[in-house]
N, C-alpha and C. Protein backbone atom coordinates (compact mmCIF):
# COMPACT_ATOMS: atom_id res chain seq x y z
N MET A 1 -19.38 18.95 30.84
CA MET A 1 -19.09 19.30 29.47
C MET A 1 -18.92 18.02 28.65
N ASP A 2 -19.64 17.95 27.56
CA ASP A 2 -19.61 16.76 26.70
C ASP A 2 -18.49 16.90 25.67
N ALA A 3 -17.59 15.95 25.68
CA ALA A 3 -16.51 15.96 24.69
C ALA A 3 -16.95 15.10 23.51
N LYS A 4 -17.06 15.71 22.36
CA LYS A 4 -17.46 14.97 21.16
C LYS A 4 -16.22 14.51 20.42
N THR A 5 -16.26 13.27 20.00
CA THR A 5 -15.14 12.76 19.23
C THR A 5 -15.45 12.88 17.75
N LYS A 6 -14.46 13.24 17.04
CA LYS A 6 -14.59 13.42 15.60
C LYS A 6 -14.19 12.11 14.92
N VAL A 7 -15.02 11.62 14.03
CA VAL A 7 -14.72 10.40 13.30
C VAL A 7 -13.94 10.77 12.05
N LYS A 8 -12.77 10.17 11.94
CA LYS A 8 -11.90 10.47 10.80
C LYS A 8 -12.31 9.63 9.59
N LYS A 9 -12.38 10.27 8.45
CA LYS A 9 -12.69 9.59 7.21
C LYS A 9 -11.49 8.71 6.80
N ALA A 10 -11.79 7.54 6.28
CA ALA A 10 -10.73 6.62 5.83
C ALA A 10 -9.97 7.23 4.66
N ASN A 11 -8.66 6.99 4.64
CA ASN A 11 -7.82 7.51 3.57
C ASN A 11 -7.92 6.67 2.30
N LEU A 12 -8.26 5.40 2.46
CA LEU A 12 -8.35 4.48 1.33
C LEU A 12 -9.74 3.85 1.29
N SER A 13 -10.23 3.60 0.08
CA SER A 13 -11.48 2.87 -0.05
C SER A 13 -11.20 1.40 0.27
N LYS A 14 -12.26 0.64 0.41
CA LYS A 14 -12.10 -0.78 0.73
C LYS A 14 -11.31 -1.50 -0.37
N SER A 15 -11.62 -1.22 -1.63
CA SER A 15 -10.90 -1.89 -2.73
C SER A 15 -9.44 -1.46 -2.80
N GLU A 16 -9.16 -0.19 -2.50
CA GLU A 16 -7.78 0.28 -2.48
C GLU A 16 -7.00 -0.40 -1.35
N PHE A 17 -7.64 -0.53 -0.19
CA PHE A 17 -7.00 -1.19 0.94
C PHE A 17 -6.72 -2.65 0.61
N GLU A 18 -7.68 -3.33 -0.02
CA GLU A 18 -7.48 -4.73 -0.41
C GLU A 18 -6.34 -4.87 -1.41
N THR A 19 -6.22 -3.93 -2.33
CA THR A 19 -5.12 -3.94 -3.29
C THR A 19 -3.79 -3.76 -2.57
N LEU A 20 -3.73 -2.82 -1.64
CA LEU A 20 -2.51 -2.59 -0.88
C LEU A 20 -2.08 -3.85 -0.12
N VAL A 21 -3.02 -4.48 0.56
CA VAL A 21 -2.71 -5.69 1.33
C VAL A 21 -2.28 -6.82 0.41
N SER A 22 -2.97 -6.98 -0.69
CA SER A 22 -2.64 -8.05 -1.64
C SER A 22 -1.24 -7.87 -2.22
N GLU A 23 -0.92 -6.67 -2.65
CA GLU A 23 0.40 -6.40 -3.21
C GLU A 23 1.50 -6.56 -2.16
N TYR A 24 1.20 -6.12 -0.94
CA TYR A 24 2.16 -6.28 0.15
C TYR A 24 2.43 -7.77 0.40
N GLU A 25 1.37 -8.56 0.43
CA GLU A 25 1.54 -10.00 0.64
C GLU A 25 2.36 -10.63 -0.48
N ASN A 26 2.16 -10.17 -1.71
CA ASN A 26 2.92 -10.70 -2.84
C ASN A 26 4.42 -10.40 -2.72
N LYS A 27 4.76 -9.27 -2.12
CA LYS A 27 6.15 -8.84 -1.99
C LYS A 27 6.69 -9.03 -0.58
N TYR A 28 5.96 -9.75 0.26
CA TYR A 28 6.29 -9.88 1.68
C TYR A 28 7.73 -10.34 1.92
N ASP A 29 8.17 -11.37 1.21
CA ASP A 29 9.52 -11.91 1.43
C ASP A 29 10.60 -10.86 1.21
N VAL A 30 10.42 -10.04 0.19
CA VAL A 30 11.41 -8.99 -0.09
C VAL A 30 11.28 -7.87 0.93
N LEU A 31 10.06 -7.42 1.19
CA LEU A 31 9.85 -6.28 2.08
C LEU A 31 10.25 -6.56 3.52
N GLU A 32 10.01 -7.76 3.98
CA GLU A 32 10.29 -8.09 5.38
C GLU A 32 11.57 -8.90 5.57
N GLY A 33 12.22 -9.28 4.48
CA GLY A 33 13.45 -10.04 4.58
C GLY A 33 14.60 -9.20 5.08
N GLY A 34 15.54 -9.84 5.71
CA GLY A 34 16.73 -9.14 6.19
C GLY A 34 17.66 -8.80 5.04
N LEU A 35 18.38 -7.72 5.18
CA LEU A 35 19.33 -7.32 4.15
C LEU A 35 20.47 -8.34 4.07
N SER A 36 20.89 -8.62 2.86
CA SER A 36 21.99 -9.56 2.65
C SER A 36 22.64 -9.25 1.31
N ILE A 37 23.56 -10.09 0.92
CA ILE A 37 24.21 -9.92 -0.38
C ILE A 37 23.18 -10.03 -1.50
N SER A 38 22.22 -10.95 -1.35
CA SER A 38 21.24 -11.18 -2.40
C SER A 38 20.00 -10.30 -2.27
N LEU A 39 19.77 -9.67 -1.12
CA LEU A 39 18.62 -8.80 -0.91
C LEU A 39 19.11 -7.45 -0.39
N THR A 40 19.07 -6.46 -1.25
CA THR A 40 19.62 -5.15 -0.90
C THR A 40 18.51 -4.14 -0.64
N GLY A 41 18.89 -3.00 -0.15
CA GLY A 41 17.96 -1.90 0.05
C GLY A 41 17.31 -1.47 -1.25
N VAL A 42 18.05 -1.58 -2.34
CA VAL A 42 17.51 -1.23 -3.66
C VAL A 42 16.37 -2.18 -4.01
N ASP A 43 16.55 -3.46 -3.70
CA ASP A 43 15.49 -4.44 -3.97
C ASP A 43 14.24 -4.11 -3.17
N LYS A 44 14.42 -3.74 -1.92
CA LYS A 44 13.28 -3.39 -1.07
C LYS A 44 12.58 -2.14 -1.59
N ARG A 45 13.35 -1.15 -1.99
CA ARG A 45 12.77 0.08 -2.53
C ARG A 45 11.96 -0.21 -3.79
N LYS A 46 12.50 -1.06 -4.67
CA LYS A 46 11.78 -1.42 -5.89
C LYS A 46 10.48 -2.17 -5.57
N ALA A 47 10.53 -3.02 -4.55
CA ALA A 47 9.33 -3.76 -4.16
C ALA A 47 8.25 -2.80 -3.64
N TRP A 48 8.66 -1.81 -2.82
CA TRP A 48 7.69 -0.81 -2.34
C TRP A 48 7.14 0.01 -3.49
N GLU A 49 8.00 0.37 -4.43
CA GLU A 49 7.54 1.13 -5.59
C GLU A 49 6.52 0.33 -6.39
N SER A 50 6.74 -0.96 -6.51
CA SER A 50 5.80 -1.83 -7.20
C SER A 50 4.45 -1.87 -6.48
N VAL A 51 4.49 -1.97 -5.16
CA VAL A 51 3.26 -1.96 -4.36
C VAL A 51 2.53 -0.65 -4.56
N MET A 52 3.24 0.45 -4.48
CA MET A 52 2.61 1.77 -4.60
C MET A 52 2.10 2.02 -6.02
N ASP A 53 2.82 1.54 -7.04
CA ASP A 53 2.34 1.68 -8.42
C ASP A 53 1.01 0.96 -8.61
N ALA A 54 0.89 -0.23 -8.05
CA ALA A 54 -0.36 -0.98 -8.14
C ALA A 54 -1.49 -0.23 -7.44
N LEU A 55 -1.19 0.40 -6.30
CA LEU A 55 -2.19 1.17 -5.58
C LEU A 55 -2.61 2.41 -6.37
N VAL A 56 -1.67 3.07 -7.00
CA VAL A 56 -1.98 4.24 -7.81
C VAL A 56 -2.88 3.85 -8.98
N VAL A 57 -2.56 2.76 -9.64
CA VAL A 57 -3.38 2.29 -10.76
C VAL A 57 -4.80 2.01 -10.27
N LYS A 58 -4.92 1.35 -9.13
CA LYS A 58 -6.23 1.04 -8.57
C LYS A 58 -6.98 2.31 -8.21
N THR A 59 -6.28 3.27 -7.62
CA THR A 59 -6.90 4.53 -7.24
C THR A 59 -7.42 5.28 -8.46
N LEU A 60 -6.60 5.34 -9.50
CA LEU A 60 -7.01 6.03 -10.73
C LEU A 60 -8.17 5.33 -11.40
N THR A 61 -8.19 4.01 -11.34
CA THR A 61 -9.27 3.23 -11.93
C THR A 61 -10.57 3.46 -11.17
N CYS A 62 -10.49 3.50 -9.84
CA CYS A 62 -11.70 3.67 -9.02
C CYS A 62 -12.26 5.08 -9.12
N LYS A 63 -11.41 6.06 -9.29
CA LYS A 63 -11.85 7.44 -9.26
C LYS A 63 -11.92 8.10 -10.63
N ALA A 64 -11.75 7.30 -11.67
CA ALA A 64 -11.81 7.84 -13.03
C ALA A 64 -13.24 8.25 -13.37
N PRO A 65 -13.41 9.37 -14.05
CA PRO A 65 -14.76 9.79 -14.44
C PRO A 65 -15.33 8.83 -15.48
N ASP A 66 -16.62 8.67 -15.45
CA ASP A 66 -17.29 7.75 -16.39
C ASP A 66 -17.40 8.33 -17.78
C-alpha cells in the first residue's frame, strides 16, 4: 500500500515571512532579553504587537485588490 504524503501550503508568502523575520530581528533584544526592572513583560508584549502590526500591514498590502 502506497502512503501518499500531503504537501502543506505555506501560511505566509515569501515577502510576509521576510517581513516577520526582519521585524523580529529589529526587536530581538527586547523579545529575547531576560525580564528585569528595565525590561518587563509589558515591554515584550508591546514588541510582539509591533512585529505583528508590521506583518498585518504587509499582508494587507500584498493581498489588496488592484
